[in-house]
């Protein structure tokens, strides 16, 4: 496979979680520095891809103000990241899907160029910045079949799926770009800095 460029990528922002650690708040819409977390991610992702989709299970109309929305087959199930990715893969206008969670406002502006360079013929690559960041990954549409098999089985972890398709880990020296917000306390602390 040739190394994909920006023109070959559809971006997907994962915003379909329950927000359990945010007291049930829709994390993508939680305000940080005067804008929803999703907007911060969108600003960093848009220049890296040809098109952006948002995976969401609630507040669909609000999300549609920023980009087309893809909902899981059963939005009320909140079936995890693989459900959102699986719903997006058949809709791709491009062969590659650049995936990022909605709570990563400092996403490196070259994340997907670096992941593309790290593919070296693999159908996927994921970021490693101090720890594995499997939700920052670049995946070829051919991975859809294995994703469907994973979702039908017991192991629905993104890490397990990426391992099964031979995803390559790509190191990032600066882990600050991968700092995410899981709780309101983390958001508050970051706001005060």
Protein backbone atom coordinates (compact mmCIF):
# COMPACT_ATOMS: atom_id res chain seq x y z
CA UNK A 1 0.00 0.00 0.00
CA UNK A 2 1.19 3.47 -0.82
CA UNK A 3 1.69 5.95 2.02
CA UNK A 4 -1.55 7.95 2.28
CA UNK A 5 -1.52 11.73 2.19
CA UNK A 6 -3.97 14.22 3.65
CA UNK A 7 -6.10 13.93 0.50
CA UNK A 8 -6.53 10.17 1.17
CA UNK A 9 -7.86 10.53 4.72
CA UNK A 10 -11.31 10.81 6.25
CA UNK A 11 -11.10 11.93 9.87
CA UNK A 12 -13.36 10.48 12.56
CA UNK A 13 -13.83 12.15 15.94
CA UNK A 14 -15.16 9.66 18.49
CA UNK A 15 -17.79 11.41 20.63
CA UNK A 16 -20.19 8.57 21.32
CA UNK A 17 -19.36 7.68 24.92
CA UNK A 18 -21.51 7.82 28.03
CA UNK A 19 -19.29 10.36 29.80
CA UNK A 20 -19.38 8.25 32.99
CA UNK A 21 -16.28 9.91 34.42
CA UNK A 22 -17.75 13.34 33.49
CA UNK A 23 -20.93 12.78 35.52
CA UNK A 24 -22.79 11.72 32.37
CA UNK A 25 -21.94 14.85 30.38
CA UNK A 26 -21.53 14.52 26.63
CA UNK A 27 -17.75 14.92 26.68
CA UNK A 28 -17.41 16.38 23.19
CA UNK A 29 -19.70 19.26 24.18
CA UNK A 30 -18.06 20.01 27.52
CA UNK A 31 -16.59 23.53 27.45
CA UNK A 32 -12.86 24.08 27.83
CA UNK A 33 -11.17 27.42 27.19
CA UNK A 34 -14.45 28.83 25.90
CA UNK A 35 -15.26 26.12 23.33
CA UNK A 36 -16.49 22.51 23.34
CA UNK A 37 -13.71 19.92 23.53
CA UNK A 38 -14.79 18.66 20.11
CA UNK A 39 -14.06 22.07 18.55
CA UNK A 40 -10.47 22.01 19.85
CA UNK A 41 -9.97 18.54 18.34
CA UNK A 42 -11.68 19.56 15.09
CA UNK A 43 -9.36 22.56 14.66
CA UNK A 44 -6.32 20.28 14.92
CA UNK A 45 -7.73 17.43 12.84
CA UNK A 46 -9.26 19.32 9.89
CA UNK A 47 -5.95 20.42 8.30
CA UNK A 48 -4.71 16.83 8.43
CA UNK A 49 -7.57 15.18 6.51
CA UNK A 50 -9.76 15.71 3.45
CA UNK A 51 -13.06 15.25 5.31
CA UNK A 52 -14.24 14.93 8.94
CA UNK A 53 -17.02 12.78 10.39
CA UNK A 54 -18.21 12.74 14.00
CA UNK A 55 -19.28 9.54 15.74
CA UNK A 56 -21.97 10.45 18.28
CA UNK A 57 -24.93 8.79 19.98
CA UNK A 58 -26.70 11.83 21.44
CA UNK A 59 -27.00 15.55 20.69
CA UNK A 60 -26.73 14.66 17.00
CA UNK A 61 -28.12 17.99 15.78
CA UNK A 62 -25.57 19.94 17.79
CA UNK A 63 -22.73 17.86 16.38
CA UNK A 64 -24.06 18.25 12.84
CA UNK A 65 -23.30 21.97 13.13
CA UNK A 66 -19.60 21.02 12.80
CA UNK A 67 -19.52 17.94 10.53
CA UNK A 68 -21.60 15.01 9.27
CA UNK A 69 -22.55 12.67 12.12
CA UNK A 70 -22.34 8.89 12.13
CA UNK A 71 -24.36 7.12 14.84
CA UNK A 72 -23.91 3.52 15.97
CA UNK A 73 -26.44 0.97 14.68
CA UNK A 74 -27.98 1.06 18.18
CA UNK A 75 -27.12 4.53 19.55
CA UNK A 76 -28.74 3.83 22.92
CA UNK A 77 -26.37 0.90 23.53
CA UNK A 78 -23.23 3.07 23.79
CA UNK A 79 -21.38 0.03 22.45
CA UNK A 80 -17.86 1.45 22.58
CA UNK A 81 -15.36 2.88 20.10
CA UNK A 82 -15.44 -0.13 17.77
CA UNK A 83 -19.14 0.51 17.16
CA UNK A 84 -18.44 4.10 16.10
CA UNK A 85 -15.52 3.06 13.91
CA UNK A 86 -17.57 0.23 12.42
CA UNK A 87 -20.40 2.62 11.56
CA UNK A 88 -17.97 5.01 9.84
CA UNK A 89 -15.89 2.56 7.77
CA UNK A 90 -18.62 1.77 5.18
CA UNK A 91 -19.21 5.51 4.63
CA UNK A 92 -15.64 6.45 3.77
CA UNK A 93 -15.05 8.65 0.76
CA UNK A 94 -11.36 7.74 1.08
CA UNK A 95 -9.46 4.51 1.76
CA UNK A 96 -8.06 5.59 5.12
CA UNK A 97 -9.73 6.56 8.39
CA UNK A 98 -7.87 8.90 10.78
CA UNK A 99 -9.39 8.29 14.23
CA UNK A 100 -9.14 10.53 17.30
CA UNK A 101 -11.19 10.81 20.52
CA UNK A 102 -13.10 14.01 21.28
CA UNK A 103 -11.15 14.68 24.49
CA UNK A 104 -7.70 15.23 22.99
CA UNK A 105 -7.53 19.02 22.49
CA UNK A 106 -3.74 19.11 22.00
CA UNK A 107 -3.65 16.52 19.19
CA UNK A 108 -0.33 17.00 17.38
CA UNK A 109 -0.87 18.88 14.13
CA UNK A 110 1.28 16.33 12.30
CA UNK A 111 -0.14 13.22 14.01
CA UNK A 112 -1.58 11.60 10.91
CA UNK A 113 1.32 12.44 8.61
CA UNK A 114 3.56 10.72 11.14
CA UNK A 115 1.21 7.76 11.46
CA UNK A 116 1.06 7.46 7.66
CA UNK A 117 4.86 7.48 7.45
CA UNK A 118 4.96 4.75 10.10
CA UNK A 119 2.62 2.39 8.25
CA UNK A 120 5.34 0.73 6.16
CA UNK A 121 2.79 -1.43 4.32
CA UNK A 122 0.61 -2.24 7.34
CA UNK A 123 -3.18 -1.70 7.23
CA UNK A 124 -3.06 0.45 10.37
CA UNK A 125 -0.82 2.46 12.69
CA UNK A 126 -1.41 3.77 16.20
CA UNK A 127 0.32 6.37 18.34
CA UNK A 128 2.66 5.59 21.20
CA UNK A 129 3.62 8.58 23.37
CA UNK A 130 4.76 7.28 26.71
CA UNK A 131 1.90 4.80 26.55
CA UNK A 132 -0.16 3.26 23.79
CA UNK A 133 -2.85 5.59 22.40
CA UNK A 134 -4.91 3.16 20.38
CA UNK A 135 -7.68 5.69 19.80
CA UNK A 136 -5.28 7.86 17.82
CA UNK A 137 -4.87 5.63 14.82
CA UNK A 138 -4.87 5.46 11.06
CA UNK A 139 -6.77 2.51 9.62
CA UNK A 140 -7.33 1.23 6.08
CA UNK A 141 -10.89 0.40 5.07
CA UNK A 142 -9.82 -3.25 4.60
CA UNK A 143 -9.81 -3.60 8.41
CA UNK A 144 -13.63 -3.52 8.47
CA UNK A 145 -14.00 -7.30 8.22
CA UNK A 146 -11.82 -7.98 11.28
CA UNK A 147 -13.65 -5.21 13.14
CA UNK A 148 -16.99 -6.89 12.46
CA UNK A 149 -15.58 -10.21 13.70
CA UNK A 150 -14.32 -8.55 16.90
CA UNK A 151 -17.67 -6.91 17.55
CA UNK A 152 -19.39 -10.29 17.12
CA UNK A 153 -17.04 -11.86 19.68
CA UNK A 154 -16.09 -11.20 23.28
CA UNK A 155 -12.99 -9.01 22.75
CA UNK A 156 -14.23 -5.57 21.77
CA UNK A 157 -11.11 -3.70 22.81
CA UNK A 158 -9.63 -1.35 20.23
CA UNK A 159 -6.16 -2.60 21.19
CA UNK A 160 -7.15 -6.21 20.43
CA UNK A 161 -8.55 -5.25 17.04
CA UNK A 162 -5.49 -3.22 16.10
CA UNK A 163 -3.23 -6.09 17.13
CA UNK A 164 -5.28 -8.54 15.07
CA UNK A 165 -4.92 -6.45 11.91
CA UNK A 166 -1.18 -5.91 12.40
CA UNK A 167 -1.23 -2.24 13.38
CA UNK A 168 2.22 -0.70 13.70
CA UNK A 169 3.05 1.37 16.78
CA UNK A 170 4.45 4.80 15.90
CA UNK A 171 6.43 6.55 18.65
CA UNK A 172 5.78 10.20 19.48
CA UNK A 173 8.42 11.75 21.75
CA UNK A 174 6.14 14.49 23.10
CA UNK A 175 3.33 12.94 25.13
CA UNK A 176 1.76 16.36 25.93
CA UNK A 177 -0.13 16.27 22.63
CA UNK A 178 -1.89 13.14 23.84
CA UNK A 179 -3.12 14.49 27.18
CA UNK A 180 -6.83 13.88 27.36
CA UNK A 181 -9.55 14.90 29.79
CA UNK A 182 -11.55 12.14 31.43
CA UNK A 183 -12.97 14.00 34.42
CA UNK A 184 -14.27 17.44 35.28
CA UNK A 185 -11.41 17.77 37.79
CA UNK A 186 -8.84 17.26 35.01
CA UNK A 187 -10.57 19.92 32.92
CA UNK A 188 -10.65 22.35 35.84
CA UNK A 189 -6.96 21.78 36.61
CA UNK A 190 -6.02 22.36 32.96
CA UNK A 191 -8.15 25.50 32.82
CA UNK A 192 -6.26 26.99 35.79
CA UNK A 193 -2.82 26.41 34.22
